[in-house]
Amino acid sequence: MQVIRFLPLQRDASQIRVEWHVDPATALYKQTSFTLDFGDALDPRSLPLKLCWSVVLLALHSHWNLLRPCRVVLPITLASGEIEFWLRLLDAERVSLESYRGTTDLARTVAIECGGELLSEIDLPSSTARCAAAFSGGKESLLQAALLAELTERPLLVNTQSEMPPFKDHSTRKRAQVLRAITERRECEVVVVKSDLRSIWKNGFSKQLGYRQTVNEMTDVFLYAATLVAVAAARGIGAACIGCEYDG
């Protein structure tokens, strides 16, 4: 059994740094750390620690099904109901993985253990009527942004930039052009969050296990949702949307 042991989160005026160790080592990771950089849009230290951990677990939890059987050790304590939430989310994801592989390894062999302080309930800014959306600049997110601009007041659009070598699609000139143009054409707020998360894994690791999905196909949507949740929460926005690039 592999043990995934997280270190306490490091937060400064713009970044959350996440670090963990896997014992025995796994070929999944090139490095076992990553950062979320919010620039001047958000000071992570202003967010409740519990929310920061929720953001981190949302971005990273999908890897644990690839490391089964495994034991995840957190340096904080979550309520039993919250632990069960993450385990049930893993259960649901595991059904999809196994279905695509044509296997039935559905047993719950991921365990989450806690140590340290029990985190207090999340106290966020007063909610507003605004809406937030993950925004890549692609056709789905452009349509979503246009609808929100028509139907709501000054929507928040969160763009996540995280290159996955050797690809450079997150730093193209066209992407930057769309980010500029959307604020010129619609009344909205655009926030860019940068991360190195998509550069730390070996993308074909899951296929070596026989799964159809690459690692980024399992993880990307959760990374984008995580950055969206963090910025939306800081702005007091309770409604967040994320599009889907697949037809079915």
C-alpha atoms as a PDB file:
ATOM      1  CA  MET A   1       0.000   0.000   0.000  1.00  0.00           C
ATOM      2  CA  GLN A   2       1.229   3.481  -0.873  1.00  0.00           C
ATOM      3  CA  VAL A   3       1.068   6.238   1.720  1.00  0.00           C
ATOM      4  CA  ILE A   4       0.429   9.785   0.487  1.00  0.00           C
ATOM      5  CA  ARG A   5       1.422  12.175   3.243  1.00  0.00           C
ATOM      6  CA  PHE A   6       0.647  15.889   2.860  1.00  0.00           C
ATOM      7  CA  LEU A   7       2.661  18.677   4.457  1.00  0.00           C
ATOM      8  CA  PRO A   8       0.954  21.792   5.853  1.00  0.00           C
ATOM      9  CA  LEU A   9      -0.051  24.274   3.168  1.00  0.00           C
ATOM     10  CA  GLN A  10       2.241  27.232   2.571  1.00  0.00           C
ATOM     11  CA  ARG A  11       0.488  30.514   1.810  1.00  0.00           C
ATOM     12  CA  ASP A  12       1.847  33.943   0.983  1.00  0.00           C
ATOM     13  CA  ALA A  13       0.399  37.130  -0.523  1.00  0.00           C
ATOM     14  CA  SER A  14      -0.403  35.472  -3.861  1.00  0.00           C
ATOM     15  CA  GLN A  15       0.282  31.721  -3.769  1.00  0.00           C
ATOM     16  CA  ILE A  16      -0.738  28.453  -2.216  1.00  0.00           C
ATOM     17  CA  ARG A  17       2.061  25.884  -2.277  1.00  0.00           C
ATOM     18  CA  VAL A  18       1.149  22.225  -1.857  1.00  0.00           C
ATOM     19  CA  GLU A  19       3.662  19.465  -1.066  1.00  0.00           C
ATOM     20  CA  TRP A  20       3.311  15.778  -0.286  1.00  0.00           C
ATOM     21  CA  HIS A  21       5.344  12.572  -0.207  1.00  0.00           C
ATOM     22  CA  VAL A  22       4.446   9.169  -1.627  1.00  0.00           C
ATOM     23  CA  ASP A  23       5.950   6.064  -0.019  1.00  0.00           C
ATOM     24  CA  PRO A  24       6.913   3.927  -1.814  1.00  0.00           C
ATOM     25  CA  ALA A  25       7.604   6.328  -4.677  1.00  0.00           C
ATOM     26  CA  THR A  26       5.368   6.298  -7.724  1.00  0.00           C
ATOM     27  CA  ALA A  27       6.087   6.840 -11.417  1.00  0.00           C
ATOM     28  CA  LEU A  28       2.968   9.023 -11.626  1.00  0.00           C
ATOM     29  CA  TYR A  29       4.793  12.161 -10.468  1.00  0.00           C
ATOM     30  CA  LYS A  30       7.821  14.023 -11.741  1.00  0.00           C
ATOM     31  CA  GLN A  31       7.614  16.073  -8.535  1.00  0.00           C
ATOM     32  CA  THR A  32       5.288  15.988  -5.558  1.00  0.00           C
ATOM     33  CA  SER A  33       4.481  19.659  -5.181  1.00  0.00           C
ATOM     34  CA  PHE A  34       2.653  22.394  -7.047  1.00  0.00           C
ATOM     35  CA  THR A  35       1.509  25.966  -6.631  1.00  0.00           C
ATOM     36  CA  LEU A  36      -1.619  27.989  -7.315  1.00  0.00           C
ATOM     37  CA  ASP A  37      -0.667  31.595  -8.093  1.00  0.00           C
ATOM     38  CA  PHE A  38      -3.499  34.138  -7.893  1.00  0.00           C
ATOM     39  CA  GLY A  39      -1.305  37.150  -8.621  1.00  0.00           C
ATOM     40  CA  ASP A  40      -2.736  40.379  -7.246  1.00  0.00           C
ATOM     41  CA  ALA A  41      -6.324  39.134  -7.584  1.00  0.00           C
ATOM     42  CA  LEU A  42      -6.376  37.261  -4.281  1.00  0.00           C
ATOM     43  CA  ASP A  43      -4.354  36.877  -1.100  1.00  0.00           C
ATOM     44  CA  PRO A  44      -4.820  33.205  -0.130  1.00  0.00           C
ATOM     45  CA  ARG A  45      -4.094  34.094   3.502  1.00  0.00           C
ATOM     46  CA  SER A  46      -7.421  35.934   3.553  1.00  0.00           C
ATOM     47  CA  LEU A  47      -9.276  32.690   2.814  1.00  0.00           C
ATOM     48  CA  PRO A  48     -10.245  30.244   5.556  1.00  0.00           C
ATOM     49  CA  LEU A  49      -7.700  27.437   5.815  1.00  0.00           C
ATOM     50  CA  LYS A  50     -10.527  24.928   5.427  1.00  0.00           C
ATOM     51  CA  LEU A  51     -11.476  26.432   2.073  1.00  0.00           C
ATOM     52  CA  CYS A  52      -7.842  26.310   0.910  1.00  0.00           C
ATOM     53  CA  TRP A  53      -7.689  22.612   1.747  1.00  0.00           C
ATOM     54  CA  SER A  54     -10.979  22.022  -0.095  1.00  0.00           C
ATOM     55  CA  VAL A  55      -9.484  23.717  -3.164  1.00  0.00           C
ATOM     56  CA  VAL A  56      -6.315  21.608  -2.935  1.00  0.00           C
ATOM     57  CA  LEU A  57      -8.161  18.319  -2.493  1.00  0.00           C
ATOM     58  CA  LEU A  58     -10.484  19.160  -5.367  1.00  0.00           C
ATOM     59  CA  ALA A  59      -7.500  19.755  -7.655  1.00  0.00           C
ATOM     60  CA  LEU A  60      -5.588  16.623  -6.646  1.00  0.00           C
ATOM     61  CA  HIS A  61      -7.913  13.905  -5.333  1.00  0.00           C
ATOM     62  CA  SER A  62      -8.553  12.192  -8.693  1.00  0.00           C
ATOM     63  CA  HIS A  63      -4.979  10.827  -8.681  1.00  0.00           C
ATOM     64  CA  TRP A  64      -5.663   8.641  -5.663  1.00  0.00           C
ATOM     65  CA  ASN A  65      -7.663   6.142  -7.697  1.00  0.00           C
ATOM     66  CA  LEU A  66      -4.522   5.597  -9.786  1.00  0.00           C
ATOM     67  CA  LEU A  67      -2.460   4.877  -6.666  1.00  0.00           C
ATOM     68  CA  ARG A  68      -4.814   2.312  -5.119  1.00  0.00           C
ATOM     69  CA  PRO A  69      -4.546   0.793  -2.620  1.00  0.00           C
ATOM     70  CA  CYS A  70      -3.376   3.895  -0.795  1.00  0.00           C
ATOM     71  CA  ARG A  71      -3.661   5.770   2.460  1.00  0.00           C
ATOM     72  CA  VAL A  72      -3.909   9.578   2.347  1.00  0.00           C
ATOM     73  CA  VAL A  73      -2.668  11.345   5.466  1.00  0.00           C
ATOM     74  CA  LEU A  74      -3.661  15.001   5.967  1.00  0.00           C
ATOM     75  CA  PRO A  75      -2.012  17.366   8.481  1.00  0.00           C
ATOM     76  CA  ILE A  76      -5.430  18.718   9.465  1.00  0.00           C
ATOM     77  CA  THR A  77      -8.637  17.102  10.705  1.00  0.00           C
ATOM     78  CA  LEU A  78     -11.829  16.999   8.666  1.00  0.00           C
ATOM     79  CA  ALA A  79     -15.232  16.006   9.982  1.00  0.00           C
ATOM     80  CA  SER A  80     -16.263  12.438   9.220  1.00  0.00           C
ATOM     81  CA  GLY A  81     -18.944  13.654   6.821  1.00  0.00           C
ATOM     82  CA  GLU A  82     -16.398  15.574   4.781  1.00  0.00           C
ATOM     83  CA  ILE A  83     -14.107  12.554   4.561  1.00  0.00           C
ATOM     84  CA  GLU A  84     -17.056  10.524   3.341  1.00  0.00           C
ATOM     85  CA  PHE A  85     -17.769  13.176   0.691  1.00  0.00           C
ATOM     86  CA  TRP A  86     -14.293  12.768  -0.804  1.00  0.00           C
ATOM     87  CA  LEU A  87     -14.518   8.992  -0.641  1.00  0.00           C
ATOM     88  CA  ARG A  88     -17.883   8.995  -2.410  1.00  0.00           C
ATOM     89  CA  LEU A  89     -16.527  11.309  -5.093  1.00  0.00           C
ATOM     90  CA  LEU A  90     -13.669   8.864  -5.607  1.00  0.00           C
ATOM     91  CA  ASP A  91     -16.199   6.022  -5.722  1.00  0.00           C
ATOM     92  CA  ALA A  92     -18.098   7.728  -8.544  1.00  0.00           C
ATOM     93  CA  GLU A  93     -14.936   8.474 -10.511  1.00  0.00           C
ATOM     94  CA  ARG A  94     -13.753   4.894 -10.034  1.00  0.00           C
ATOM     95  CA  VAL A  95     -16.945   3.554 -11.620  1.00  0.00           C
ATOM     96  CA  SER A  96     -16.212   5.574 -14.764  1.00  0.00           C
ATOM     97  CA  LEU A  97     -12.569   4.529 -14.878  1.00  0.00           C
ATOM     98  CA  GLU A  98     -13.360   0.853 -14.469  1.00  0.00           C
ATOM     99  CA  SER A  99     -16.212   1.000 -16.974  1.00  0.00           C
ATOM    100  CA  TYR A 100     -13.981   2.453 -19.690  1.00  0.00           C
ATOM    101  CA  ARG A 101     -11.294  -0.143 -18.914  1.00  0.00           C
ATOM    102  CA  GLY A 102     -13.831  -2.954 -18.929  1.00  0.00           C
ATOM    103  CA  THR A 103     -12.950  -4.072 -15.395  1.00  0.00           C
ATOM    104  CA  THR A 104     -14.770  -4.091 -12.069  1.00  0.00           C
ATOM    105  CA  ASP A 105     -12.183  -3.156  -9.444  1.00  0.00           C
ATOM    106  CA  LEU A 106     -14.689  -1.052  -7.496  1.00  0.00           C
ATOM    107  CA  ALA A 107     -13.662  -1.816  -3.911  1.00  0.00           C
ATOM    108  CA  ARG A 108     -12.995   1.244  -1.761  1.00  0.00           C
ATOM    109  CA  THR A 109      -9.243   0.903  -1.239  1.00  0.00           C
ATOM    110  CA  VAL A 110      -8.466   4.585  -0.661  1.00  0.00           C
ATOM    111  CA  ALA A 111      -8.377   5.609   3.011  1.00  0.00           C
ATOM    112  CA  ILE A 112      -8.168   9.191   4.302  1.00  0.00           C
ATOM    113  CA  GLU A 113      -6.598   9.778   7.698  1.00  0.00           C
ATOM    114  CA  CYS A 114      -6.354  13.056   9.565  1.00  0.00           C
ATOM    115  CA  GLY A 115      -4.013  14.569  12.124  1.00  0.00           C
ATOM    116  CA  GLY A 116      -3.761  18.050  13.554  1.00  0.00           C
ATOM    117  CA  GLU A 117      -6.395  20.649  14.285  1.00  0.00           C
ATOM    118  CA  LEU A 118     -10.052  20.288  13.392  1.00  0.00           C
ATOM    119  CA  LEU A 119     -10.650  23.101  10.920  1.00  0.00           C
ATOM    120  CA  SER A 120     -13.401  25.552  11.783  1.00  0.00           C
ATOM    121  CA  GLU A 121     -16.392  26.174   9.558  1.00  0.00           C
ATOM    122  CA  ILE A 122     -15.823  28.365   6.522  1.00  0.00           C
ATOM    123  CA  ASP A 123     -16.721  32.019   7.063  1.00  0.00           C
ATOM    124  CA  LEU A 124     -16.914  33.768   3.701  1.00  0.00           C
ATOM    125  CA  PRO A 125     -17.785  37.318   2.578  1.00  0.00           C
ATOM    126  CA  SER A 126     -21.468  38.137   2.223  1.00  0.00           C
ATOM    127  CA  SER A 127     -22.843  36.618  -0.953  1.00  0.00           C
ATOM    128  CA  THR A 128     -23.602  38.741  -3.997  1.00  0.00           C
ATOM    129  CA  ALA A 129     -25.927  38.283  -6.963  1.00  0.00           C
ATOM    130  CA  ARG A 130     -22.964  37.885  -9.316  1.00  0.00           C
ATOM    131  CA  CYS A 131     -22.106  34.632 -11.087  1.00  0.00           C
ATOM    132  CA  ALA A 132     -18.701  33.117 -11.844  1.00  0.00           C
ATOM    133  CA  ALA A 133     -17.521  30.832 -14.624  1.00  0.00           C
ATOM    134  CA  ALA A 134     -14.386  28.987 -15.640  1.00  0.00           C
ATOM    135  CA  PHE A 135     -13.147  30.726 -18.785  1.00  0.00           C
ATOM    136  CA  SER A 136     -10.695  29.232 -21.267  1.00  0.00           C
ATOM    137  CA  GLY A 137     -11.572  31.454 -24.218  1.00  0.00           C
ATOM    138  CA  GLY A 138     -12.896  28.457 -26.166  1.00  0.00           C
ATOM    139  CA  LYS A 139     -16.334  28.386 -27.772  1.00  0.00           C
ATOM    140  CA  GLU A 140     -18.160  26.861 -24.775  1.00  0.00           C
ATOM    141  CA  SER A 141     -16.787  29.340 -22.262  1.00  0.00           C
ATOM    142  CA  LEU A 142     -17.308  32.269 -24.660  1.00  0.00           C
ATOM    143  CA  LEU A 143     -20.961  31.314 -25.014  1.00  0.00           C
ATOM    144  CA  GLN A 144     -21.292  30.888 -21.271  1.00  0.00           C
ATOM    145  CA  ALA A 145     -19.638  34.274 -20.642  1.00  0.00           C
ATOM    146  CA  ALA A 146     -21.938  35.972 -23.158  1.00  0.00           C
ATOM    147  CA  LEU A 147     -25.042  34.491 -21.544  1.00  0.00           C
ATOM    148  CA  LEU A 148     -23.901  35.475 -18.050  1.00  0.00           C
ATOM    149  CA  ALA A 149     -23.134  39.015 -19.254  1.00  0.00           C
ATOM    150  CA  GLU A 150     -26.669  39.271 -20.616  1.00  0.00           C
ATOM    151  CA  LEU A 151     -28.415  37.723 -17.639  1.00  0.00           C
ATOM    152  CA  THR A 152     -26.298  38.780 -14.636  1.00  0.00           C
ATOM    153  CA  GLU A 153     -24.289  41.730 -13.430  1.00  0.00           C
ATOM    154  CA  ARG A 154     -20.535  41.796 -14.139  1.00  0.00           C
ATOM    155  CA  PRO A 155     -19.774  38.051 -14.162  1.00  0.00           C
ATOM    156  CA  LEU A 156     -16.442  36.790 -12.871  1.00  0.00           C
ATOM    157  CA  LEU A 157     -14.455  34.802 -15.446  1.00  0.00           C
ATOM    158  CA  VAL A 158     -11.600  32.711 -14.035  1.00  0.00           C
ATOM    159  CA  ASN A 159      -8.933  31.642 -16.508  1.00  0.00           C
ATOM    160  CA  THR A 160      -6.493  28.930 -15.398  1.00  0.00           C
ATOM    161  CA  GLN A 161      -3.094  28.848 -17.090  1.00  0.00           C
ATOM    162  CA  SER A 162      -1.158  25.637 -16.493  1.00  0.00           C
ATOM    163  CA  GLU A 163       0.994  24.287 -19.291  1.00  0.00           C
ATOM    164  CA  MET A 164       1.418  20.549 -19.774  1.00  0.00           C
ATOM    165  CA  PRO A 165       4.754  20.041 -21.593  1.00  0.00           C
ATOM    166  CA  PRO A 166       5.404  19.785 -24.451  1.00  0.00           C
ATOM    167  CA  PHE A 167       2.169  21.646 -25.253  1.00  0.00           C
ATOM    168  CA  LYS A 168       1.978  25.463 -25.131  1.00  0.00           C
ATOM    169  CA  ASP A 169      -1.762  25.932 -25.609  1.00  0.00           C
ATOM    170  CA  HIS A 170      -2.218  27.859 -22.358  1.00  0.00           C
ATOM    171  CA  SER A 171       0.163  30.654 -23.356  1.00  0.00           C
ATOM    172  CA  THR A 172      -0.731  31.288 -27.000  1.00  0.00           C
ATOM    173  CA  ARG A 173      -1.139  34.776 -28.433  1.00  0.00           C
ATOM    174  CA  LYS A 174      -4.727  33.951 -29.380  1.00  0.00           C
ATOM    175  CA  ARG A 175      -5.610  33.037 -25.797  1.00  0.00           C
ATOM    176  CA  ALA A 176      -4.197  36.327 -24.531  1.00  0.00           C
ATOM    177  CA  GLN A 177      -6.113  38.189 -27.243  1.00  0.00           C
ATOM    178  CA  VAL A 178      -9.406  36.622 -26.147  1.00  0.00           C
ATOM    179  CA  LEU A 179      -8.760  37.543 -22.504  1.00  0.00           C
ATOM    180  CA  ARG A 180      -8.267  41.177 -23.533  1.00  0.00           C
ATOM    181  CA  ALA A 181     -11.178  41.268 -25.948  1.00  0.00           C
ATOM    182  CA  ILE A 182     -13.796  39.846 -23.585  1.00  0.00           C
ATOM    183  CA  THR A 183     -13.459  42.783 -21.179  1.00  0.00           C
ATOM    184  CA  GLU A 184     -13.604  45.235 -24.093  1.00  0.00           C
ATOM    185  CA  ARG A 185     -16.855  43.754 -25.355  1.00  0.00           C
ATOM    186  CA  ARG A 186     -18.621  42.749 -22.152  1.00  0.00           C
ATOM    187  CA  GLU A 187     -18.873  44.151 -18.632  1.00  0.00           C
ATOM    188  CA  CYS A 188     -17.050  41.407 -16.699  1.00  0.00           C
ATOM    189  CA  GLU A 189     -14.110  40.705 -14.419  1.00  0.00           C
ATOM    190  CA  VAL A 190     -11.343  38.397 -15.670  1.00  0.00           C
ATOM    191  CA  VAL A 191      -8.937  36.768 -13.210  1.00  0.00           C
ATOM    192  CA  VAL A 192      -5.984  34.658 -14.355  1.00  0.00           C
ATOM    193  CA  VAL A 193      -4.696  31.929 -12.034  1.00  0.00           C
ATOM    194  CA  LYS A 194      -1.376  30.265 -12.858  1.00  0.00           C
ATOM    195  CA  SER A 195      -0.289  26.806 -11.756  1.00  0.00           C
ATOM    196  CA  ASP A 196       2.408  24.254 -12.510  1.00  0.00           C
ATOM    197  CA  LEU A 197       0.120  21.342 -11.570  1.00  0.00           C
ATOM    198  CA  ARG A 198      -0.252  20.033 -15.131  1.00  0.00           C
ATOM    199  CA  SER A 199       3.536  19.811 -15.520  1.00  0.00           C
ATOM    200  CA  ILE A 200       4.228  17.541 -12.528  1.00  0.00           C
ATOM    201  CA  TRP A 201       2.679  14.259 -13.698  1.00  0.00           C
ATOM    202  CA  LYS A 202       3.469  11.694 -16.381  1.00  0.00           C
ATOM    203  CA  ASN A 203       0.384  11.974 -18.528  1.00  0.00           C
ATOM    204  CA  GLY A 204       0.462   8.415 -19.814  1.00  0.00           C
ATOM    205  CA  PHE A 205       0.660   6.821 -16.364  1.00  0.00           C
ATOM    206  CA  SER A 206      -3.055   6.004 -16.299  1.00  0.00           C
ATOM    207  CA  LYS A 207      -2.892   4.369 -19.727  1.00  0.00           C
ATOM    208  CA  GLN A 208      -0.100   2.135 -18.472  1.00  0.00           C
ATOM    209  CA  LEU A 209      -2.674   0.853 -15.967  1.00  0.00           C
ATOM    210  CA  GLY A 210      -5.051   0.067 -18.824  1.00  0.00           C
ATOM    211  CA  TYR A 211      -7.357   3.066 -18.449  1.00  0.00           C
ATOM    212  CA  ARG A 212      -8.603   4.940 -21.503  1.00  0.00           C
ATOM    213  CA  GLN A 213      -8.158   8.395 -19.974  1.00  0.00           C
ATOM    214  CA  THR A 214      -4.850  10.205 -19.704  1.00  0.00           C
ATOM    215  CA  VAL A 215      -4.056  11.876 -16.369  1.00  0.00           C
ATOM    216  CA  ASN A 216      -4.982  15.345 -17.596  1.00  0.00           C
ATOM    217  CA  GLU A 217      -8.375  14.065 -18.801  1.00  0.00           C
ATOM    218  CA  MET A 218      -9.024  12.954 -15.224  1.00  0.00           C
ATOM    219  CA  THR A 219      -7.654  16.055 -13.516  1.00  0.00           C
ATOM    220  CA  ASP A 220      -8.129  19.157 -15.684  1.00  0.00           C
ATOM    221  CA  VAL A 221     -11.776  19.830 -14.886  1.00  0.00           C
ATOM    222  CA  PHE A 222     -11.063  19.589 -11.151  1.00  0.00           C
ATOM    223  CA  LEU A 223      -8.141  22.024 -11.413  1.00  0.00           C
ATOM    224  CA  TYR A 224     -10.305  24.534 -13.246  1.00  0.00           C
ATOM    225  CA  ALA A 225     -13.120  24.057 -10.757  1.00  0.00           C
ATOM    226  CA  ALA A 226     -10.694  24.495  -7.846  1.00  0.00           C
ATOM    227  CA  THR A 227      -9.344  27.855  -9.035  1.00  0.00           C
ATOM    228  CA  LEU A 228     -12.889  28.965  -9.837  1.00  0.00           C
ATOM    229  CA  VAL A 229     -14.121  28.084  -6.351  1.00  0.00           C
ATOM    230  CA  ALA A 230     -11.232  29.921  -4.667  1.00  0.00           C
ATOM    231  CA  VAL A 231     -11.686  33.204  -6.519  1.00  0.00           C
ATOM    232  CA  ALA A 232     -15.488  33.085  -6.476  1.00  0.00           C
ATOM    233  CA  ALA A 233     -15.509  32.485  -2.722  1.00  0.00           C
ATOM    234  CA  ALA A 234     -13.166  35.423  -2.146  1.00  0.00           C
ATOM    235  CA  ARG A 235     -15.556  37.643  -4.133  1.00  0.00           C
ATOM    236  CA  GLY A 236     -18.614  36.407  -2.256  1.00  0.00           C
ATOM    237  CA  ILE A 237     -20.024  34.673  -5.334  1.00  0.00           C
ATOM    238  CA  GLY A 238     -22.038  31.549  -4.635  1.00  0.00           C
ATOM    239  CA  ALA A 239     -23.011  30.553  -8.194  1.00  0.00           C
ATOM    240  CA  ALA A 240     -20.209  29.074 -10.300  1.00  0.00           C
ATOM    241  CA  CYS A 241     -20.427  27.494 -13.759  1.00  0.00           C
ATOM    242  CA  ILE A 242     -18.078  25.321 -15.765  1.00  0.00           C
ATOM    243  CA  GLY A 243     -18.596  24.204 -19.355  1.00  0.00           C
ATOM    244  CA  CYS A 244     -17.858  20.871 -21.007  1.00  0.00           C
ATOM    245  CA  GLU A 245     -15.924  20.456 -24.251  1.00  0.00           C
ATOM    246  CA  TYR A 246     -17.350  17.001 -24.941  1.00  0.00           C
ATOM    247  CA  ASP A 247     -20.598  16.330 -26.777  1.00  0.00           C
ATOM    248  CA  GLY A 248     -21.512  13.235 -24.769  1.00  0.00           C
END
